[in-house]
Amino acid sequence: QVQLVESGGGLVQAGGSLRLSCAASGRTFSSYTMGWFRQAPGKDREFVSAISWNVYSTHYADSVKGRFGISRDNAKNTVYLQMNSLKPDDTAVYYCAGTRGTKVFTTSEYDYWGQGTQVTVSS
C-alpha cells in the first residue's frame, strides 16, 4: 500500500512560479508511474502531467506544455511538478497519483491518490 502527500501549493500572481512535491511511502515507489491531476470548482478532474517508472518518459496536457515540468527522485520517494508562467486558469486543487498501468491520461488507471494541495493564481 502506498500513501501520497502533496505540498507546495499556495497563492501566486499570474506569471509566477510554484513547485509542487509529492512524497510517497513504500519501498516500491520506483515501480509506479506518477501523475499529476487537478480539479477546479465545478469542473471534472483533469490530467496535467505524468512520468513513467522505467525510462522516465514524460507526458503533458496541451494546456501546460512549455510551462510545467515533471520530475522524480526515487531515492527520496518524491515526484515534483515545477509550474512556471502560471495563469488564473491554473487555479485548482492539484493531486498526485500512482499507477502500474499504462493509460496515464486516465484517472481510473491510478490506484493511489494524495489529498491534494490548493494552487490559486491571481490575475
C-alpha atoms as a PDB file:
ATOM      1  CA  GLN A   1       0.000   0.000   0.000  1.00  0.00           C
ATOM      2  CA  VAL A   2       1.233   3.479  -0.956  1.00  0.00           C
ATOM      3  CA  GLN A   3       0.430   6.751   0.783  1.00  0.00           C
ATOM      4  CA  LEU A   4       0.937  10.062  -1.043  1.00  0.00           C
ATOM      5  CA  VAL A   5       1.196  13.552   0.479  1.00  0.00           C
ATOM      6  CA  GLU A   6       1.294  16.703  -1.661  1.00  0.00           C
ATOM      7  CA  SER A   7       2.825  20.013  -0.633  1.00  0.00           C
ATOM      8  CA  GLY A   8       3.974  23.309  -2.143  1.00  0.00           C
ATOM      9  CA  GLY A   9       0.677  24.871  -3.120  1.00  0.00           C
ATOM     10  CA  GLY A  10      -0.234  28.447  -2.333  1.00  0.00           C
ATOM     11  CA  LEU A  11      -1.236  31.832  -3.681  1.00  0.00           C
ATOM     12  CA  VAL A  12       0.776  33.330  -6.525  1.00  0.00           C
ATOM     13  CA  GLN A  13       0.412  36.181  -9.002  1.00  0.00           C
ATOM     14  CA  ALA A  14      -0.116  35.448 -12.678  1.00  0.00           C
ATOM     15  CA  GLY A  15       3.240  34.859 -14.334  1.00  0.00           C
ATOM     16  CA  GLY A  16       4.774  33.478 -11.160  1.00  0.00           C
ATOM     17  CA  SER A  17       6.044  30.015 -10.296  1.00  0.00           C
ATOM     18  CA  LEU A  18       5.436  27.238  -7.793  1.00  0.00           C
ATOM     19  CA  ARG A  19       6.964  23.813  -7.257  1.00  0.00           C
ATOM     20  CA  LEU A  20       4.695  21.068  -6.006  1.00  0.00           C
ATOM     21  CA  SER A  21       6.060  17.995  -4.254  1.00  0.00           C
ATOM     22  CA  CYS A  22       4.513  14.603  -3.641  1.00  0.00           C
ATOM     23  CA  ALA A  23       6.123  12.383  -1.033  1.00  0.00           C
ATOM     24  CA  ALA A  24       5.318   8.681  -1.162  1.00  0.00           C
ATOM     25  CA  SER A  25       5.603   5.929   1.386  1.00  0.00           C
ATOM     26  CA  GLY A  26       6.524   2.405   0.417  1.00  0.00           C
ATOM     27  CA  ARG A  27       9.659   0.763  -0.893  1.00  0.00           C
ATOM     28  CA  THR A  28       8.053   0.008  -4.275  1.00  0.00           C
ATOM     29  CA  PHE A  29       7.630   3.664  -5.271  1.00  0.00           C
ATOM     30  CA  SER A  30      10.134   3.321  -8.103  1.00  0.00           C
ATOM     31  CA  SER A  31       7.901   0.814  -9.916  1.00  0.00           C
ATOM     32  CA  TYR A  32       4.987   3.269 -10.251  1.00  0.00           C
ATOM     33  CA  THR A  33       4.243   5.754 -12.959  1.00  0.00           C
ATOM     34  CA  MET A  34       3.385   9.011 -11.191  1.00  0.00           C
ATOM     35  CA  GLY A  35       0.870  11.548 -12.417  1.00  0.00           C
ATOM     36  CA  TRP A  36      -0.458  14.960 -11.518  1.00  0.00           C
ATOM     37  CA  PHE A  37      -4.131  15.851 -11.898  1.00  0.00           C
ATOM     38  CA  ARG A  38      -6.084  18.957 -10.997  1.00  0.00           C
ATOM     39  CA  GLN A  39      -9.678  19.846 -10.271  1.00  0.00           C
ATOM     40  CA  ALA A  40     -11.224  23.308 -10.275  1.00  0.00           C
ATOM     41  CA  PRO A  41     -14.562  24.047  -8.565  1.00  0.00           C
ATOM     42  CA  GLY A  42     -17.480  22.718 -10.588  1.00  0.00           C
ATOM     43  CA  LYS A  43     -15.217  21.014 -13.119  1.00  0.00           C
ATOM     44  CA  ASP A  44     -14.031  17.482 -13.773  1.00  0.00           C
ATOM     45  CA  ARG A  45     -10.674  16.234 -12.620  1.00  0.00           C
ATOM     46  CA  GLU A  46      -8.213  16.606 -15.493  1.00  0.00           C
ATOM     47  CA  PHE A  47      -4.829  15.201 -16.389  1.00  0.00           C
ATOM     48  CA  VAL A  48      -1.850  17.545 -16.053  1.00  0.00           C
ATOM     49  CA  SER A  49       1.358  15.519 -16.339  1.00  0.00           C
ATOM     50  CA  ALA A  50       2.916  12.100 -15.757  1.00  0.00           C
ATOM     51  CA  ILE A  51       6.336  10.478 -15.590  1.00  0.00           C
ATOM     52  CA  SER A  52       6.958   6.790 -16.181  1.00  0.00           C
ATOM     53  CA  TRP A  53       8.735   4.449 -13.787  1.00  0.00           C
ATOM     54  CA  ASN A  54      11.099   2.795 -16.254  1.00  0.00           C
ATOM     55  CA  VAL A  55      12.730   5.285 -18.640  1.00  0.00           C
ATOM     56  CA  TYR A  56      11.324   8.460 -17.062  1.00  0.00           C
ATOM     57  CA  SER A  57       9.387   9.432 -20.161  1.00  0.00           C
ATOM     58  CA  THR A  58       7.123  12.423 -19.561  1.00  0.00           C
ATOM     59  CA  HIS A  59       3.653  13.449 -20.694  1.00  0.00           C
ATOM     60  CA  TYR A  60       1.873  16.792 -20.518  1.00  0.00           C
ATOM     61  CA  ALA A  61      -1.568  18.160 -21.154  1.00  0.00           C
ATOM     62  CA  ASP A  62      -1.597  20.608 -24.047  1.00  0.00           C
ATOM     63  CA  SER A  63      -2.650  23.386 -21.695  1.00  0.00           C
ATOM     64  CA  VAL A  64       0.601  23.183 -19.695  1.00  0.00           C
ATOM     65  CA  LYS A  65       3.207  22.218 -22.304  1.00  0.00           C
ATOM     66  CA  GLY A  66       6.158  24.572 -22.232  1.00  0.00           C
ATOM     67  CA  ARG A  67       5.219  25.881 -18.786  1.00  0.00           C
ATOM     68  CA  PHE A  68       5.236  22.875 -16.428  1.00  0.00           C
ATOM     69  CA  GLY A  69       7.954  20.289 -15.844  1.00  0.00           C
ATOM     70  CA  ILE A  70       7.627  16.957 -14.047  1.00  0.00           C
ATOM     71  CA  SER A  71      10.493  15.076 -12.424  1.00  0.00           C
ATOM     72  CA  ARG A  72      11.068  12.364  -9.849  1.00  0.00           C
ATOM     73  CA  ASP A  73      13.689  11.354  -7.318  1.00  0.00           C
ATOM     74  CA  ASN A  74      13.242   7.695  -6.496  1.00  0.00           C
ATOM     75  CA  ALA A  75      15.867   7.823  -3.758  1.00  0.00           C
ATOM     76  CA  LYS A  76      13.652  10.341  -1.945  1.00  0.00           C
ATOM     77  CA  ASN A  77      10.342   8.715  -2.954  1.00  0.00           C
ATOM     78  CA  THR A  78       9.264  12.082  -4.324  1.00  0.00           C
ATOM     79  CA  VAL A  79       7.778  13.449  -7.537  1.00  0.00           C
ATOM     80  CA  TYR A  80       7.786  17.151  -8.402  1.00  0.00           C
ATOM     81  CA  LEU A  81       5.803  19.485 -10.610  1.00  0.00           C
ATOM     82  CA  GLN A  82       7.547  22.736 -11.491  1.00  0.00           C
ATOM     83  CA  MET A  83       4.915  25.260 -12.547  1.00  0.00           C
ATOM     84  CA  ASN A  84       6.062  28.379 -14.403  1.00  0.00           C
ATOM     85  CA  SER A  85       4.229  31.234 -16.118  1.00  0.00           C
ATOM     86  CA  LEU A  86       1.146  30.474 -14.080  1.00  0.00           C
ATOM     87  CA  LYS A  87      -2.253  31.648 -15.275  1.00  0.00           C
ATOM     88  CA  PRO A  88      -5.537  32.154 -13.415  1.00  0.00           C
ATOM     89  CA  ASP A  89      -6.881  29.122 -15.325  1.00  0.00           C
ATOM     90  CA  ASP A  90      -4.323  27.000 -13.459  1.00  0.00           C
ATOM     91  CA  THR A  91      -6.201  27.608 -10.200  1.00  0.00           C
ATOM     92  CA  ALA A  92      -7.272  24.226  -8.833  1.00  0.00           C
ATOM     93  CA  VAL A  93      -6.600  21.563  -6.254  1.00  0.00           C
ATOM     94  CA  TYR A  94      -3.646  19.531  -7.501  1.00  0.00           C
ATOM     95  CA  TYR A  95      -3.422  15.807  -6.779  1.00  0.00           C
ATOM     96  CA  CYS A  96      -0.617  13.355  -7.296  1.00  0.00           C
ATOM     97  CA  ALA A  97      -1.360   9.738  -8.081  1.00  0.00           C
ATOM     98  CA  GLY A  98       0.400   6.452  -8.763  1.00  0.00           C
ATOM     99  CA  THR A  99      -0.287   3.619 -11.189  1.00  0.00           C
ATOM    100  CA  ARG A 100       1.297   0.454 -12.501  1.00  0.00           C
ATOM    101  CA  GLY A 101      -0.905   0.692 -15.587  1.00  0.00           C
ATOM    102  CA  THR A 102      -0.270   2.242 -18.987  1.00  0.00           C
ATOM    103  CA  LYS A 103      -3.230   4.578 -19.567  1.00  0.00           C
ATOM    104  CA  VAL A 104      -1.516   7.509 -17.899  1.00  0.00           C
ATOM    105  CA  PHE A 105      -4.038  10.102 -19.109  1.00  0.00           C
ATOM    106  CA  THR A 106      -6.984   8.369 -17.437  1.00  0.00           C
ATOM    107  CA  THR A 107      -7.957   8.938 -13.817  1.00  0.00           C
ATOM    108  CA  SER A 108      -9.361   5.427 -13.384  1.00  0.00           C
ATOM    109  CA  GLU A 109      -5.951   3.929 -14.173  1.00  0.00           C
ATOM    110  CA  TYR A 110      -4.456   5.230 -10.923  1.00  0.00           C
ATOM    111  CA  ASP A 111      -4.529   3.185  -7.735  1.00  0.00           C
ATOM    112  CA  TYR A 112      -3.247   5.685  -5.159  1.00  0.00           C
ATOM    113  CA  TRP A 113      -4.100   9.348  -4.613  1.00  0.00           C
ATOM    114  CA  GLY A 114      -2.968  12.117  -2.319  1.00  0.00           C
ATOM    115  CA  GLN A 115      -5.308  14.528  -0.559  1.00  0.00           C
ATOM    116  CA  GLY A 116      -4.417  17.460  -2.790  1.00  0.00           C
ATOM    117  CA  THR A 117      -2.822  20.873  -2.441  1.00  0.00           C
ATOM    118  CA  GLN A 118      -4.507  24.151  -3.377  1.00  0.00           C
ATOM    119  CA  VAL A 119      -2.970  26.360  -6.063  1.00  0.00           C
ATOM    120  CA  THR A 120      -4.501  29.803  -6.529  1.00  0.00           C
ATOM    121  CA  VAL A 121      -3.294  32.168  -9.254  1.00  0.00           C
ATOM    122  CA  SER A 122      -4.493  35.750  -9.043  1.00  0.00           C
ATOM    123  CA  SER A 123      -4.913  37.969 -12.085  1.00  0.00           C
END
